[in-house]
């Protein structure tokens, strides 16, 4: 359970860091960029911790898929990125792939 909590923290931190990095680039904010980098470091350290009990293939698939899906939604909602049926279908397929990897 502790390793899954570490993975959840790692995913959340990566999402926050990536969102902050996008904001930093749009606002030309060096401070936000530095905060973003420190949050990325926390994300990676937490990800490393979860690998003690979770297979790397599963952990990385969950980490990248949930990060991709969430950041796609943030991009559409917060940054005005375009969305269409193909993009949404592909995100759903990514998430289905992660579910498939975790079903044993």
N, C-alpha and C. Protein backbone atom coordinates (compact mmCIF):
# COMPACT_ATOMS: atom_id res chain seq x y z
N UNK A 1 0.83 -1.20 0.00
CA UNK A 1 0.00 0.00 0.00
C UNK A 1 0.87 1.25 0.00
N UNK A 2 1.94 1.23 0.79
CA UNK A 2 2.82 2.39 0.87
C UNK A 2 3.45 2.71 -0.49
N UNK A 3 3.80 1.68 -1.23
CA UNK A 3 4.41 1.91 -2.55
C UNK A 3 3.41 2.52 -3.53
N UNK A 4 2.15 2.11 -3.44
CA UNK A 4 1.13 2.71 -4.31
C UNK A 4 0.87 4.15 -3.92
N UNK A 5 1.00 4.46 -2.62
CA UNK A 5 0.86 5.86 -2.19
C UNK A 5 2.02 6.69 -2.73
N UNK A 6 3.22 6.11 -2.72
CA UNK A 6 4.39 6.80 -3.27
C UNK A 6 4.20 7.04 -4.77
N UNK A 7 3.65 6.05 -5.46
CA UNK A 7 3.39 6.21 -6.90
C UNK A 7 2.34 7.29 -7.14
N UNK A 8 1.30 7.30 -6.31
CA UNK A 8 0.26 8.34 -6.44
C UNK A 8 0.84 9.73 -6.22
N UNK A 9 1.70 9.86 -5.22
CA UNK A 9 2.35 11.15 -4.98
C UNK A 9 3.22 11.52 -6.17
N UNK A 10 3.96 10.56 -6.69
CA UNK A 10 4.85 10.81 -7.82
C UNK A 10 4.07 11.31 -9.04
N UNK A 11 2.94 10.68 -9.31
CA UNK A 11 2.09 11.09 -10.44
C UNK A 11 1.55 12.49 -10.22
N UNK A 12 1.04 12.74 -9.02
CA UNK A 12 0.49 14.07 -8.71
C UNK A 12 1.55 15.15 -8.82
N UNK A 13 2.74 14.87 -8.29
CA UNK A 13 3.82 15.85 -8.34
C UNK A 13 4.24 16.12 -9.78
N UNK A 14 4.29 15.08 -10.60
CA UNK A 14 4.67 15.26 -12.00
C UNK A 14 3.63 16.11 -12.74
N UNK A 15 2.37 15.91 -12.43
CA UNK A 15 1.30 16.70 -13.05
C UNK A 15 1.41 18.16 -12.65
N UNK A 16 1.63 18.41 -11.36
CA UNK A 16 1.78 19.79 -10.87
C UNK A 16 3.02 20.43 -11.49
N UNK A 17 4.12 19.69 -11.53
CA UNK A 17 5.37 20.24 -12.08
C UNK A 17 5.23 20.58 -13.56
N UNK A 18 4.60 19.71 -14.32
CA UNK A 18 4.43 19.97 -15.75
C UNK A 18 3.50 21.15 -15.99
N UNK A 19 2.43 21.24 -15.21
CA UNK A 19 1.52 22.38 -15.32
C UNK A 19 2.23 23.68 -14.98
N UNK A 20 3.01 23.66 -13.90
CA UNK A 20 3.78 24.85 -13.52
C UNK A 20 4.79 25.23 -14.60
N UNK A 21 5.42 24.22 -15.21
CA UNK A 21 6.40 24.50 -16.25
C UNK A 21 5.72 25.19 -17.44
N UNK A 22 4.53 24.72 -17.81
CA UNK A 22 3.80 25.36 -18.91
C UNK A 22 3.45 26.80 -18.55
N UNK A 23 3.02 27.01 -17.31
CA UNK A 23 2.70 28.37 -16.85
C UNK A 23 3.96 29.24 -16.85
N UNK A 24 5.08 28.68 -16.41
CA UNK A 24 6.33 29.42 -16.36
C UNK A 24 6.75 29.88 -17.75
N UNK A 25 6.57 29.02 -18.74
CA UNK A 25 6.94 29.39 -20.11
C UNK A 25 6.04 30.48 -20.67
N UNK A 26 4.76 30.39 -20.37
CA UNK A 26 3.82 31.41 -20.87
C UNK A 26 4.03 32.76 -20.18
N UNK A 27 4.37 32.71 -18.90
CA UNK A 27 4.53 33.94 -18.11
C UNK A 27 5.98 34.39 -18.01
N UNK A 28 6.90 33.64 -18.60
CA UNK A 28 8.34 33.93 -18.53
C UNK A 28 8.78 34.08 -17.07
N UNK A 29 8.38 33.11 -16.24
CA UNK A 29 8.65 33.16 -14.81
C UNK A 29 9.76 32.18 -14.44
N UNK A 30 10.91 32.71 -14.08
CA UNK A 30 12.01 31.88 -13.63
C UNK A 30 11.72 31.20 -12.31
N UNK A 31 10.98 31.87 -11.45
CA UNK A 31 10.64 31.30 -10.15
C UNK A 31 9.77 30.06 -10.32
N UNK A 32 8.74 30.16 -11.15
CA UNK A 32 7.87 29.00 -11.38
C UNK A 32 8.64 27.86 -12.02
N UNK A 33 9.58 28.19 -12.88
CA UNK A 33 10.39 27.16 -13.51
C UNK A 33 11.23 26.42 -12.47
N UNK A 34 11.86 27.15 -11.56
CA UNK A 34 12.67 26.52 -10.51
C UNK A 34 11.81 25.68 -9.57
N UNK A 35 10.64 26.18 -9.22
CA UNK A 35 9.73 25.40 -8.38
C UNK A 35 9.32 24.13 -9.11
N UNK A 36 9.04 24.26 -10.40
CA UNK A 36 8.67 23.11 -11.22
C UNK A 36 9.77 22.05 -11.20
N UNK A 37 11.00 22.47 -11.37
CA UNK A 37 12.12 21.52 -11.38
C UNK A 37 12.27 20.81 -10.04
N UNK A 38 12.07 21.54 -8.94
CA UNK A 38 12.18 20.90 -7.63
C UNK A 38 11.04 19.90 -7.41
N UNK A 39 9.86 20.20 -7.93
CA UNK A 39 8.75 19.26 -7.80
C UNK A 39 9.00 18.02 -8.67
N UNK A 40 9.61 18.21 -9.85
CA UNK A 40 9.99 17.06 -10.67
C UNK A 40 10.95 16.15 -9.91
N UNK A 41 11.90 16.75 -9.22
CA UNK A 41 12.86 15.95 -8.44
C UNK A 41 12.12 15.13 -7.38
N UNK A 42 11.19 15.76 -6.67
CA UNK A 42 10.40 15.04 -5.66
C UNK A 42 9.61 13.90 -6.32
N UNK A 43 9.08 14.16 -7.50
CA UNK A 43 8.33 13.14 -8.23
C UNK A 43 9.22 11.93 -8.55
N UNK A 44 10.41 12.20 -9.06
CA UNK A 44 11.31 11.11 -9.43
C UNK A 44 11.80 10.33 -8.22
N UNK A 45 12.08 11.03 -7.13
CA UNK A 45 12.50 10.34 -5.91
C UNK A 45 11.38 9.44 -5.38
N UNK A 46 10.18 9.94 -5.42
CA UNK A 46 9.03 9.14 -4.98
C UNK A 46 8.80 7.95 -5.91
N UNK A 47 8.98 8.18 -7.20
CA UNK A 47 8.84 7.09 -8.17
C UNK A 47 9.85 5.99 -7.88
N UNK A 48 11.08 6.39 -7.59
CA UNK A 48 12.11 5.41 -7.25
C UNK A 48 11.75 4.58 -6.03
N UNK A 49 11.12 5.22 -5.06
CA UNK A 49 10.69 4.53 -3.84
C UNK A 49 9.66 3.46 -4.15
N UNK A 50 8.74 3.75 -5.02
CA UNK A 50 7.67 2.79 -5.32
C UNK A 50 8.20 1.55 -6.03
N UNK A 51 9.36 1.65 -6.65
CA UNK A 51 9.91 0.51 -7.39
C UNK A 51 10.39 -0.61 -6.48
N UNK A 52 10.40 -0.37 -5.15
CA UNK A 52 10.78 -1.42 -4.22
C UNK A 52 9.79 -2.59 -4.25
N UNK A 53 8.53 -2.29 -4.54
CA UNK A 53 7.50 -3.34 -4.51
C UNK A 53 6.69 -3.47 -5.80
N UNK A 54 6.73 -2.45 -6.65
CA UNK A 54 5.93 -2.48 -7.88
C UNK A 54 6.88 -2.68 -9.07
N UNK A 55 6.55 -3.61 -9.95
CA UNK A 55 7.38 -3.83 -11.14
C UNK A 55 7.51 -2.53 -11.93
N UNK A 56 8.71 -2.29 -12.44
CA UNK A 56 8.95 -1.04 -13.17
C UNK A 56 8.03 -0.92 -14.38
N UNK A 57 7.73 -2.03 -15.05
CA UNK A 57 6.85 -1.96 -16.23
C UNK A 57 5.45 -1.50 -15.85
N UNK A 58 4.96 -1.94 -14.71
CA UNK A 58 3.63 -1.52 -14.24
C UNK A 58 3.68 -0.09 -13.73
N UNK A 59 4.66 0.21 -12.88
CA UNK A 59 4.75 1.55 -12.28
C UNK A 59 4.89 2.62 -13.35
N UNK A 60 5.75 2.39 -14.33
CA UNK A 60 5.96 3.41 -15.35
C UNK A 60 4.73 3.56 -16.24
N UNK A 61 4.08 2.45 -16.55
CA UNK A 61 2.86 2.53 -17.38
C UNK A 61 1.78 3.33 -16.67
N UNK A 62 1.58 3.06 -15.38
CA UNK A 62 0.57 3.79 -14.61
C UNK A 62 0.95 5.26 -14.52
N UNK A 63 2.22 5.53 -14.20
CA UNK A 63 2.72 6.91 -14.03
C UNK A 63 2.53 7.71 -15.32
N UNK A 64 2.98 7.14 -16.42
CA UNK A 64 2.91 7.90 -17.67
C UNK A 64 1.48 8.03 -18.20
N UNK A 65 0.68 6.98 -18.07
CA UNK A 65 -0.69 7.04 -18.58
C UNK A 65 -1.55 8.02 -17.80
N UNK A 66 -1.50 7.94 -16.48
CA UNK A 66 -2.31 8.86 -15.68
C UNK A 66 -1.83 10.30 -15.84
N UNK A 67 -0.51 10.47 -15.94
CA UNK A 67 0.03 11.81 -16.19
C UNK A 67 -0.41 12.34 -17.54
N UNK A 68 -0.34 11.50 -18.56
CA UNK A 68 -0.75 11.92 -19.90
C UNK A 68 -2.23 12.29 -19.95
N UNK A 69 -3.07 11.44 -19.39
CA UNK A 69 -4.51 11.70 -19.43
C UNK A 69 -4.86 12.96 -18.66
N UNK A 70 -4.30 13.11 -17.47
CA UNK A 70 -4.62 14.28 -16.65
C UNK A 70 -4.09 15.56 -17.28
N UNK A 71 -2.86 15.51 -17.79
CA UNK A 71 -2.29 16.71 -18.41
C UNK A 71 -2.99 17.06 -19.72
N UNK A 72 -3.52 16.08 -20.40
CA UNK A 72 -4.31 16.38 -21.60
C UNK A 72 -5.56 17.16 -21.21
N UNK A 73 -6.21 16.72 -20.14
CA UNK A 73 -7.40 17.44 -19.65
C UNK A 73 -7.04 18.85 -19.18
N UNK A 74 -5.94 18.98 -18.47
CA UNK A 74 -5.50 20.30 -18.00
C UNK A 74 -5.19 21.20 -19.20
N UNK A 75 -4.53 20.65 -20.21
CA UNK A 75 -4.22 21.42 -21.41
C UNK A 75 -5.47 21.95 -22.09
N UNK A 76 -6.48 21.11 -22.17
CA UNK A 76 -7.74 21.50 -22.81
C UNK A 76 -8.47 22.54 -21.97
N UNK A 77 -8.59 22.28 -20.66
CA UNK A 77 -9.37 23.14 -19.78
C UNK A 77 -8.66 24.45 -19.43
N UNK A 78 -7.38 24.35 -19.10
CA UNK A 78 -6.66 25.53 -18.58
C UNK A 78 -5.87 26.31 -19.64
N UNK A 79 -5.40 25.61 -20.66
CA UNK A 79 -4.53 26.26 -21.63
C UNK A 79 -5.15 26.40 -23.02
N UNK A 80 -6.41 26.02 -23.14
CA UNK A 80 -7.12 26.20 -24.41
C UNK A 80 -6.63 25.32 -25.54
N UNK A 81 -6.03 24.18 -25.22
CA UNK A 81 -5.58 23.27 -26.27
C UNK A 81 -6.79 22.66 -26.96
N UNK A 82 -6.62 22.36 -28.23
CA UNK A 82 -7.73 21.80 -29.01
C UNK A 82 -7.93 20.33 -28.67
N UNK A 83 -9.17 19.93 -28.74
CA UNK A 83 -9.53 18.54 -28.48
C UNK A 83 -10.47 18.06 -29.57
N UNK A 84 -10.36 16.80 -29.90
CA UNK A 84 -11.30 16.20 -30.84
C UNK A 84 -11.53 14.75 -30.44
N UNK A 85 -12.39 14.09 -31.15
CA UNK A 85 -12.76 12.72 -30.81
C UNK A 85 -11.57 11.77 -30.87
N UNK A 86 -10.69 11.97 -31.84
CA UNK A 86 -9.52 11.09 -31.99
C UNK A 86 -8.61 11.22 -30.77
N UNK A 87 -8.35 12.45 -30.34
CA UNK A 87 -7.49 12.68 -29.18
C UNK A 87 -8.09 12.02 -27.94
N UNK A 88 -9.37 12.21 -27.73
CA UNK A 88 -10.03 11.62 -26.56
C UNK A 88 -10.04 10.10 -26.64
N UNK A 89 -10.26 9.55 -27.81
CA UNK A 89 -10.24 8.10 -27.99
C UNK A 89 -8.86 7.53 -27.67
N UNK A 90 -7.82 8.20 -28.12
CA UNK A 90 -6.46 7.74 -27.87
C UNK A 90 -6.14 7.77 -26.37
N UNK A 91 -6.59 8.79 -25.67
CA UNK A 91 -6.38 8.86 -24.22
C UNK A 91 -7.10 7.71 -23.53
N UNK A 92 -8.32 7.43 -23.94
CA UNK A 92 -9.07 6.30 -23.37
C UNK A 92 -8.34 4.99 -23.63
N UNK A 93 -7.78 4.82 -24.83
CA UNK A 93 -7.05 3.59 -25.15
C UNK A 93 -5.79 3.46 -24.29
N UNK A 94 -5.10 4.57 -24.02
CA UNK A 94 -3.93 4.54 -23.14
C UNK A 94 -4.35 4.06 -21.76
N UNK A 95 -5.42 4.63 -21.23
CA UNK A 95 -5.90 4.23 -19.90
C UNK A 95 -6.34 2.77 -19.88
N UNK A 96 -6.98 2.32 -20.95
CA UNK A 96 -7.39 0.91 -21.03
C UNK A 96 -6.17 -0.01 -21.04
N UNK A 97 -5.11 0.42 -21.69
CA UNK A 97 -3.88 -0.37 -21.70
C UNK A 97 -3.29 -0.53 -20.31
N UNK A 98 -3.33 0.53 -19.52
CA UNK A 98 -2.83 0.45 -18.14
C UNK A 98 -3.70 -0.49 -17.31
N UNK A 99 -4.99 -0.39 -17.48
CA UNK A 99 -5.89 -1.30 -16.76
C UNK A 99 -5.57 -2.74 -17.17
N UNK A 100 -5.36 -2.96 -18.45
CA UNK A 100 -5.03 -4.30 -18.93
C UNK A 100 -3.74 -4.83 -18.33
N UNK A 101 -2.74 -3.98 -18.16
CA UNK A 101 -1.49 -4.41 -17.55
C UNK A 101 -1.66 -4.78 -16.08
N UNK A 102 -2.60 -4.15 -15.41
CA UNK A 102 -2.77 -4.38 -13.98
C UNK A 102 -3.74 -5.51 -13.66
N UNK A 103 -4.46 -6.01 -14.65
CA UNK A 103 -5.37 -7.13 -14.42
C UNK A 103 -4.57 -8.42 -14.59
N UNK A 104 -4.58 -9.23 -13.58
CA UNK A 104 -3.78 -10.47 -13.66
C UNK A 104 -4.66 -11.67 -13.49
